[in-house]
Amino acid sequence: MRHVRAQCAVARVEPGCACHATCAKGGRYASCATTLSLLLLLVTSRVGAQDADVLFSLPLPTRPDGARAIETLEAVVVALGAHLKHEEGREDALEAAWDGTADVQGSLGFKEQATGLVRELTLTCIKVSGGAEALCRDIEQRYRAQYR
């Protein structure tokens, strides 16, 4: 647990951000460390690029219980030619890539609203050459067409 918090501190993750909450719980450390590493790499390699469009996130709709959300997202990205970076069948997270040119991460969690906690699937696209938003929007459109 101390090692996880130390990693968050080294990466300068601010309290209150989603990744800090994940790190602080000690869970999903590998996913958090991967995300932090990729973000640090992107920030340092594109310091002067204002509109590089290398990182984009958006929420995707889910059923109240989140059923089949990750499974549907897996089917979409695999159909687009990505390979999964973890074993299939995980219910709360997805990591996929296109041979080093783009990465996609999906995280099924909870979002606080006035009515209480609701399920939310957050899609994050990382594309170093630019076009992360377009990739996320394409995945979103295909996801919405399949997830009913």
N, C-alpha and C. Protein backbone atom coordinates (compact mmCIF):
# COMPACT_ATOMS: atom_id res chain seq x y z
N MET A 1 0.83 -1.18 0.00
CA MET A 1 0.00 0.00 0.00
C MET A 1 0.87 1.25 0.00
N ARG A 2 1.96 1.23 0.82
CA ARG A 2 2.85 2.39 0.83
C ARG A 2 3.50 2.59 -0.52
N HIS A 3 3.86 1.48 -1.19
CA HIS A 3 4.47 1.56 -2.51
C HIS A 3 3.53 2.22 -3.51
N VAL A 4 2.24 1.86 -3.44
CA VAL A 4 1.24 2.44 -4.34
C VAL A 4 1.13 3.93 -4.11
N ARG A 5 1.05 4.35 -2.85
CA ARG A 5 0.96 5.78 -2.55
C ARG A 5 2.23 6.51 -2.98
N ALA A 6 3.38 5.85 -2.82
CA ALA A 6 4.63 6.47 -3.25
C ALA A 6 4.63 6.69 -4.75
N GLN A 7 4.11 5.72 -5.51
CA GLN A 7 4.03 5.87 -6.96
C GLN A 7 3.15 7.06 -7.33
N CYS A 8 2.02 7.21 -6.64
CA CYS A 8 1.13 8.34 -6.91
C CYS A 8 1.84 9.65 -6.59
N ALA A 9 2.59 9.67 -5.49
CA ALA A 9 3.30 10.89 -5.13
C ALA A 9 4.39 11.22 -6.15
N VAL A 10 5.13 10.21 -6.59
CA VAL A 10 6.18 10.43 -7.59
C VAL A 10 5.59 10.98 -8.88
N ALA A 11 4.43 10.48 -9.27
CA ALA A 11 3.80 10.92 -10.51
C ALA A 11 3.04 12.24 -10.32
N ARG A 12 3.06 12.77 -9.10
CA ARG A 12 2.41 14.04 -8.77
C ARG A 12 0.91 14.01 -9.07
N VAL A 13 0.29 12.92 -8.70
CA VAL A 13 -1.15 12.79 -8.88
C VAL A 13 -1.80 13.57 -7.75
N GLU A 14 -2.67 14.46 -8.07
CA GLU A 14 -3.33 15.31 -7.09
C GLU A 14 -4.45 14.55 -6.40
N PRO A 15 -4.60 14.76 -5.08
CA PRO A 15 -5.75 14.16 -4.40
C PRO A 15 -7.04 14.67 -5.03
N GLY A 16 -7.99 13.77 -5.16
CA GLY A 16 -9.26 14.16 -5.77
C GLY A 16 -9.40 13.69 -7.20
N CYS A 17 -8.28 13.42 -7.90
CA CYS A 17 -8.41 12.95 -9.28
C CYS A 17 -8.73 11.45 -9.26
N ALA A 18 -9.28 10.95 -10.32
CA ALA A 18 -9.73 9.56 -10.38
C ALA A 18 -8.58 8.59 -10.17
N CYS A 19 -7.44 8.88 -10.75
CA CYS A 19 -6.31 7.95 -10.63
C CYS A 19 -5.80 7.92 -9.20
N HIS A 20 -5.82 9.06 -8.51
CA HIS A 20 -5.38 9.09 -7.11
C HIS A 20 -6.28 8.20 -6.27
N ALA A 21 -7.57 8.26 -6.53
CA ALA A 21 -8.51 7.42 -5.78
C ALA A 21 -8.20 5.95 -6.00
N THR A 22 -7.88 5.58 -7.22
CA THR A 22 -7.53 4.20 -7.53
C THR A 22 -6.24 3.81 -6.83
N CYS A 23 -5.23 4.70 -6.91
CA CYS A 23 -3.95 4.41 -6.27
C CYS A 23 -4.10 4.32 -4.76
N ALA A 24 -4.86 5.25 -4.18
CA ALA A 24 -5.01 5.30 -2.74
C ALA A 24 -5.67 4.04 -2.20
N LYS A 25 -6.56 3.44 -2.97
CA LYS A 25 -7.21 2.22 -2.54
C LYS A 25 -6.27 1.02 -2.63
N GLY A 26 -5.20 1.16 -3.38
CA GLY A 26 -4.27 0.05 -3.53
C GLY A 26 -4.71 -0.95 -4.58
N GLY A 27 -5.85 -0.72 -5.20
CA GLY A 27 -6.38 -1.64 -6.20
C GLY A 27 -6.04 -1.17 -7.60
N ARG A 28 -6.08 -2.06 -8.51
CA ARG A 28 -5.82 -1.77 -9.92
C ARG A 28 -4.52 -0.99 -10.10
N TYR A 29 -3.50 -1.31 -9.32
CA TYR A 29 -2.23 -0.60 -9.38
C TYR A 29 -1.61 -0.65 -10.77
N ALA A 30 -1.62 -1.81 -11.39
CA ALA A 30 -0.99 -1.93 -12.71
C ALA A 30 -1.65 -1.02 -13.72
N SER A 31 -2.97 -0.96 -13.70
CA SER A 31 -3.69 -0.08 -14.62
C SER A 31 -3.38 1.38 -14.35
N CYS A 32 -3.35 1.74 -13.08
CA CYS A 32 -3.05 3.13 -12.69
C CYS A 32 -1.62 3.47 -13.09
N ALA A 33 -0.68 2.58 -12.82
CA ALA A 33 0.72 2.84 -13.16
C ALA A 33 0.89 2.96 -14.67
N THR A 34 0.20 2.12 -15.43
CA THR A 34 0.27 2.19 -16.89
C THR A 34 -0.26 3.52 -17.38
N THR A 35 -1.40 3.93 -16.85
CA THR A 35 -1.99 5.21 -17.26
C THR A 35 -1.07 6.36 -16.91
N LEU A 36 -0.53 6.36 -15.70
CA LEU A 36 0.37 7.44 -15.29
C LEU A 36 1.63 7.47 -16.16
N SER A 37 2.16 6.31 -16.46
CA SER A 37 3.37 6.24 -17.29
C SER A 37 3.10 6.78 -18.69
N LEU A 38 1.97 6.37 -19.28
CA LEU A 38 1.63 6.85 -20.61
C LEU A 38 1.39 8.35 -20.62
N LEU A 39 0.69 8.85 -19.62
CA LEU A 39 0.44 10.29 -19.56
C LEU A 39 1.74 11.07 -19.37
N LEU A 40 2.62 10.59 -18.51
CA LEU A 40 3.91 11.24 -18.31
C LEU A 40 4.72 11.25 -19.59
N LEU A 41 4.73 10.13 -20.31
CA LEU A 41 5.42 10.05 -21.59
C LEU A 41 4.85 11.03 -22.59
N LEU A 42 3.53 11.09 -22.67
CA LEU A 42 2.89 12.00 -23.61
C LEU A 42 3.16 13.46 -23.28
N VAL A 43 3.10 13.79 -22.01
CA VAL A 43 3.34 15.19 -21.61
C VAL A 43 4.77 15.59 -21.92
N THR A 44 5.72 14.74 -21.61
CA THR A 44 7.12 15.10 -21.84
C THR A 44 7.51 15.09 -23.31
N SER A 45 6.84 14.27 -24.12
CA SER A 45 7.21 14.21 -25.53
C SER A 45 6.51 15.26 -26.37
N ARG A 46 5.44 15.86 -25.86
CA ARG A 46 4.66 16.83 -26.62
C ARG A 46 4.51 18.15 -25.87
N VAL A 47 5.56 18.60 -25.18
CA VAL A 47 5.46 19.77 -24.32
C VAL A 47 4.92 20.99 -25.05
N GLY A 48 5.37 21.27 -26.25
CA GLY A 48 4.95 22.46 -26.95
C GLY A 48 3.73 22.30 -27.82
N ALA A 49 3.19 21.13 -27.92
CA ALA A 49 2.07 20.89 -28.83
C ALA A 49 0.74 21.17 -28.14
N GLN A 50 0.10 22.25 -28.50
CA GLN A 50 -1.17 22.63 -27.89
C GLN A 50 -2.32 21.76 -28.40
N ASP A 51 -2.42 21.56 -29.68
CA ASP A 51 -3.54 20.85 -30.27
C ASP A 51 -3.15 19.47 -30.80
N ALA A 52 -2.31 18.78 -30.08
CA ALA A 52 -1.80 17.50 -30.57
C ALA A 52 -2.90 16.43 -30.60
N ASP A 53 -3.95 16.57 -29.79
CA ASP A 53 -5.05 15.62 -29.76
C ASP A 53 -4.54 14.20 -29.52
N VAL A 54 -3.69 14.06 -28.50
CA VAL A 54 -3.12 12.75 -28.21
C VAL A 54 -3.88 12.00 -27.12
N LEU A 55 -4.69 12.69 -26.35
CA LEU A 55 -5.42 12.08 -25.25
C LEU A 55 -6.84 12.62 -25.22
N PHE A 56 -7.81 11.72 -25.17
CA PHE A 56 -9.20 12.14 -25.14
C PHE A 56 -10.00 11.12 -24.34
N SER A 57 -10.90 11.60 -23.49
CA SER A 57 -11.76 10.73 -22.68
C SER A 57 -13.21 11.15 -22.82
N LEU A 58 -14.09 10.17 -22.72
CA LEU A 58 -15.52 10.46 -22.73
C LEU A 58 -16.26 9.35 -22.01
N PRO A 59 -17.45 9.67 -21.45
CA PRO A 59 -18.25 8.64 -20.79
C PRO A 59 -19.13 7.91 -21.80
N LEU A 60 -19.32 6.63 -21.58
CA LEU A 60 -20.21 5.82 -22.41
C LEU A 60 -21.38 5.35 -21.55
N PRO A 61 -22.56 5.21 -22.14
CA PRO A 61 -23.72 4.78 -21.36
C PRO A 61 -23.60 3.31 -20.93
N THR A 62 -24.20 3.04 -19.78
CA THR A 62 -24.25 1.66 -19.29
C THR A 62 -25.63 1.41 -18.70
N ARG A 63 -25.92 0.15 -18.50
CA ARG A 63 -27.12 -0.21 -17.76
C ARG A 63 -26.83 0.08 -16.28
N PRO A 64 -27.87 0.16 -15.45
CA PRO A 64 -27.64 0.45 -14.03
C PRO A 64 -26.65 -0.51 -13.36
N ASP A 65 -26.63 -1.77 -13.79
CA ASP A 65 -25.71 -2.74 -13.20
C ASP A 65 -24.40 -2.86 -13.98
N GLY A 66 -24.28 -2.14 -15.08
CA GLY A 66 -23.05 -2.17 -15.89
C GLY A 66 -22.89 -3.44 -16.72
N ALA A 67 -23.91 -4.27 -16.74
CA ALA A 67 -23.82 -5.56 -17.42
C ALA A 67 -23.45 -5.41 -18.90
N ARG A 68 -22.49 -6.21 -19.31
CA ARG A 68 -22.03 -6.33 -20.70
C ARG A 68 -21.36 -5.08 -21.27
N ALA A 69 -21.10 -4.04 -20.48
CA ALA A 69 -20.50 -2.82 -21.00
C ALA A 69 -19.06 -3.08 -21.47
N ILE A 70 -18.25 -3.70 -20.64
CA ILE A 70 -16.85 -3.98 -21.01
C ILE A 70 -16.82 -5.01 -22.14
N GLU A 71 -17.67 -6.01 -22.08
CA GLU A 71 -17.75 -7.03 -23.13
C GLU A 71 -18.07 -6.39 -24.48
N THR A 72 -18.99 -5.45 -24.50
CA THR A 72 -19.35 -4.76 -25.74
C THR A 72 -18.20 -3.91 -26.23
N LEU A 73 -17.55 -3.19 -25.32
CA LEU A 73 -16.40 -2.36 -25.69
C LEU A 73 -15.27 -3.22 -26.25
N GLU A 74 -15.03 -4.38 -25.65
CA GLU A 74 -14.02 -5.32 -26.17
C GLU A 74 -14.34 -5.72 -27.60
N ALA A 75 -15.60 -6.07 -27.86
CA ALA A 75 -16.00 -6.50 -29.20
C ALA A 75 -15.77 -5.39 -30.22
N VAL A 76 -16.05 -4.15 -29.84
CA VAL A 76 -15.88 -3.02 -30.75
C VAL A 76 -14.42 -2.80 -31.09
N VAL A 77 -13.55 -2.74 -30.08
CA VAL A 77 -12.14 -2.44 -30.38
C VAL A 77 -11.44 -3.59 -31.09
N VAL A 78 -11.82 -4.81 -30.77
CA VAL A 78 -11.24 -5.96 -31.48
C VAL A 78 -11.68 -5.95 -32.95
N ALA A 79 -12.94 -5.60 -33.20
CA ALA A 79 -13.43 -5.50 -34.58
C ALA A 79 -12.70 -4.40 -35.35
N LEU A 80 -12.21 -3.39 -34.64
CA LEU A 80 -11.44 -2.31 -35.28
C LEU A 80 -9.96 -2.68 -35.47
N GLY A 81 -9.57 -3.86 -35.02
CA GLY A 81 -8.21 -4.33 -35.23
C GLY A 81 -7.27 -4.24 -34.04
N ALA A 82 -7.77 -3.86 -32.89
CA ALA A 82 -6.93 -3.77 -31.69
C ALA A 82 -6.73 -5.16 -31.08
N HIS A 83 -5.67 -5.28 -30.30
CA HIS A 83 -5.48 -6.51 -29.53
C HIS A 83 -5.58 -6.15 -28.05
N LEU A 84 -6.16 -7.05 -27.29
CA LEU A 84 -6.33 -6.82 -25.86
C LEU A 84 -5.00 -6.96 -25.14
N LYS A 85 -4.77 -6.09 -24.17
CA LYS A 85 -3.53 -6.11 -23.41
C LYS A 85 -3.69 -6.89 -22.11
N HIS A 86 -4.83 -7.51 -21.90
CA HIS A 86 -5.10 -8.34 -20.72
C HIS A 86 -6.01 -9.47 -21.13
N GLU A 87 -6.30 -10.32 -20.18
CA GLU A 87 -7.17 -11.45 -20.47
C GLU A 87 -8.60 -10.98 -20.71
N GLU A 88 -9.30 -11.68 -21.57
CA GLU A 88 -10.71 -11.37 -21.82
C GLU A 88 -11.53 -11.75 -20.59
N GLY A 89 -12.69 -11.15 -20.52
CA GLY A 89 -13.61 -11.53 -19.47
C GLY A 89 -13.55 -10.66 -18.22
N ARG A 90 -12.67 -9.67 -18.15
CA ARG A 90 -12.67 -8.78 -16.99
C ARG A 90 -13.94 -7.93 -17.05
N GLU A 91 -14.54 -7.72 -15.93
CA GLU A 91 -15.83 -7.02 -15.90
C GLU A 91 -15.71 -5.53 -15.65
N ASP A 92 -14.53 -5.04 -15.19
CA ASP A 92 -14.44 -3.65 -14.79
C ASP A 92 -13.42 -2.83 -15.56
N ALA A 93 -12.64 -3.45 -16.43
CA ALA A 93 -11.61 -2.68 -17.14
C ALA A 93 -11.25 -3.33 -18.46
N LEU A 94 -10.75 -2.50 -19.36
CA LEU A 94 -10.29 -2.96 -20.66
C LEU A 94 -9.05 -2.15 -21.04
N GLU A 95 -8.07 -2.82 -21.58
CA GLU A 95 -6.91 -2.16 -22.17
C GLU A 95 -6.64 -2.84 -23.51
N ALA A 96 -6.53 -2.03 -24.55
CA ALA A 96 -6.29 -2.57 -25.89
C ALA A 96 -5.35 -1.63 -26.63
N ALA A 97 -4.70 -2.14 -27.68
CA ALA A 97 -3.75 -1.32 -28.43
C ALA A 97 -3.69 -1.75 -29.88
N TRP A 98 -3.21 -0.84 -30.70
CA TRP A 98 -2.95 -1.08 -32.11
C TRP A 98 -1.45 -0.97 -32.33
N ASP A 99 -0.70 -2.02 -32.06
CA ASP A 99 0.74 -2.11 -32.30
C ASP A 99 1.50 -0.82 -32.03
N GLY A 100 1.28 -0.23 -30.88
CA GLY A 100 2.05 0.94 -30.45
C GLY A 100 1.60 2.26 -31.04
N THR A 101 0.62 2.26 -31.95
CA THR A 101 0.18 3.52 -32.55
C THR A 101 -0.95 4.17 -31.76
N ALA A 102 -1.72 3.37 -31.04
CA ALA A 102 -2.84 3.91 -30.25
C ALA A 102 -3.19 2.93 -29.14
N ASP A 103 -3.65 3.49 -28.04
CA ASP A 103 -4.10 2.70 -26.90
C ASP A 103 -5.52 3.14 -26.54
N VAL A 104 -6.29 2.19 -26.04
CA VAL A 104 -7.64 2.47 -25.57
C VAL A 104 -7.78 1.83 -24.20
N GLN A 105 -8.39 2.59 -23.29
CA GLN A 105 -8.66 2.07 -21.97
C GLN A 105 -10.11 2.33 -21.64
N GLY A 106 -10.75 1.35 -21.07
CA GLY A 106 -12.12 1.48 -20.60
C GLY A 106 -12.16 1.12 -19.14
N SER A 107 -12.84 1.93 -18.34
CA SER A 107 -12.91 1.68 -16.92
C SER A 107 -14.35 1.83 -16.45
N LEU A 108 -14.89 0.76 -15.91
CA LEU A 108 -16.25 0.76 -15.42
C LEU A 108 -16.21 1.08 -13.93
N GLY A 109 -16.83 2.19 -13.58
CA GLY A 109 -16.82 2.60 -12.18
C GLY A 109 -18.14 3.26 -11.82
N PHE A 110 -18.07 4.08 -10.80
CA PHE A 110 -19.25 4.78 -10.33
C PHE A 110 -19.02 6.28 -10.40
N LYS A 111 -20.10 7.00 -10.68
CA LYS A 111 -20.08 8.45 -10.72
C LYS A 111 -21.14 8.94 -9.74
N GLU A 112 -20.76 9.92 -8.93
CA GLU A 112 -21.71 10.44 -7.97
C GLU A 112 -22.61 11.47 -8.63
N GLN A 113 -23.90 11.29 -8.45
CA GLN A 113 -24.90 12.24 -8.92
C GLN A 113 -25.82 12.58 -7.76
N ALA A 114 -26.70 13.53 -7.97
CA ALA A 114 -27.60 13.96 -6.91
C ALA A 114 -28.45 12.81 -6.38
N THR A 115 -28.76 11.86 -7.23
CA THR A 115 -29.59 10.72 -6.83
C THR A 115 -28.78 9.58 -6.22
N GLY A 116 -27.48 9.71 -6.16
CA GLY A 116 -26.61 8.68 -5.61
C GLY A 116 -25.57 8.25 -6.63
N LEU A 117 -24.97 7.10 -6.40
CA LEU A 117 -23.94 6.58 -7.30
C LEU A 117 -24.59 5.88 -8.50
N VAL A 118 -24.07 6.15 -9.68
CA VAL A 118 -24.54 5.49 -10.89
C VAL A 118 -23.33 4.92 -11.62
N ARG A 119 -23.56 3.85 -12.38
CA ARG A 119 -22.50 3.24 -13.17
C ARG A 119 -22.09 4.15 -14.31
N GLU A 120 -20.78 4.16 -14.61
CA GLU A 120 -20.28 4.92 -15.75
C GLU A 120 -19.08 4.19 -16.34
N LEU A 121 -19.05 4.11 -17.64
CA LEU A 121 -17.93 3.53 -18.37
C LEU A 121 -17.16 4.68 -18.99
N THR A 122 -15.93 4.86 -18.57
CA THR A 122 -15.09 5.93 -19.11
C THR A 122 -14.16 5.34 -20.15
N LEU A 123 -14.19 5.91 -21.34
CA LEU A 123 -13.34 5.50 -22.44
C LEU A 123 -12.23 6.53 -22.60
N THR A 124 -10.99 6.09 -22.61
CA THR A 124 -9.84 6.96 -22.81
C THR A 124 -9.06 6.47 -24.01
N CYS A 125 -8.80 7.38 -24.95
CA CYS A 125 -8.04 7.05 -26.15
C CYS A 125 -6.73 7.82 -26.12
N ILE A 126 -5.64 7.14 -26.42
CA ILE A 126 -4.32 7.75 -26.48
C ILE A 126 -3.74 7.43 -27.85
N LYS A 127 -3.42 8.47 -28.59
CA LYS A 127 -2.88 8.29 -29.93
C LYS A 127 -1.78 9.34 -30.13
N VAL A 128 -0.54 8.93 -30.05
CA VAL A 128 0.60 9.84 -30.06
C VAL A 128 0.66 10.66 -31.34
N SER A 129 0.24 10.11 -32.46
CA SER A 129 0.29 10.83 -33.73
C SER A 129 -0.87 11.82 -33.89
N GLY A 130 -1.75 11.89 -32.91
CA GLY A 130 -2.92 12.77 -33.00
C GLY A 130 -4.13 11.99 -33.47
N GLY A 131 -5.30 12.56 -33.25
CA GLY A 131 -6.53 11.91 -33.66
C GLY A 131 -7.18 11.09 -32.57
N ALA A 132 -6.81 11.34 -31.31
CA ALA A 132 -7.40 10.57 -30.21
C ALA A 132 -8.90 10.82 -30.09
N GLU A 133 -9.34 12.05 -30.29
CA GLU A 133 -10.77 12.33 -30.19
C GLU A 133 -11.54 11.60 -31.29
N ALA A 134 -11.04 11.62 -32.51
CA ALA A 134 -11.72 10.93 -33.61
C ALA A 134 -11.80 9.43 -33.33
N LEU A 135 -10.74 8.85 -32.78
CA LEU A 135 -10.75 7.42 -32.44
C LEU A 135 -11.82 7.14 -31.38
N CYS A 136 -11.85 7.96 -30.33
CA CYS A 136 -12.85 7.78 -29.27
C CYS A 136 -14.28 7.93 -29.80
N ARG A 137 -14.48 8.92 -30.66
CA ARG A 137 -15.83 9.15 -31.20
C ARG A 137 -16.28 7.99 -32.09
N ASP A 138 -15.34 7.42 -32.86
CA ASP A 138 -15.66 6.26 -33.70
C ASP A 138 -16.03 5.07 -32.82
N ILE A 139 -15.25 4.83 -31.79
CA ILE A 139 -15.55 3.73 -30.87
C ILE A 139 -16.89 3.97 -30.17
N GLU A 140 -17.13 5.21 -29.75
CA GLU A 140 -18.39 5.56 -29.10
C GLU A 140 -19.59 5.24 -30.00
N GLN A 141 -19.50 5.64 -31.25
CA GLN A 141 -20.61 5.41 -32.19
C GLN A 141 -20.87 3.91 -32.35
N ARG A 142 -19.82 3.14 -32.51
CA ARG A 142 -19.98 1.68 -32.68
C ARG A 142 -20.49 1.03 -31.40
N TYR A 143 -19.99 1.50 -30.26
CA TYR A 143 -20.43 0.98 -28.96
C TYR A 143 -21.93 1.22 -28.77
N ARG A 144 -22.36 2.46 -29.03
CA ARG A 144 -23.77 2.80 -28.85
C ARG A 144 -24.67 1.97 -29.77
N ALA A 145 -24.18 1.66 -30.96
CA ALA A 145 -24.98 0.85 -31.90
C ALA A 145 -25.15 -0.59 -31.39
N GLN A 146 -24.14 -1.09 -30.65
CA GLN A 146 -24.19 -2.49 -30.19
C GLN A 146 -24.76 -2.64 -28.78
N TYR A 147 -24.56 -1.65 -27.93
CA TYR A 147 -24.95 -1.77 -26.52
C TYR A 147 -26.37 -1.28 -26.34
N ARG A 148 -27.29 -2.19 -26.26
CA ARG A 148 -28.71 -1.83 -26.08
C ARG A 148 -29.32 -2.59 -24.95
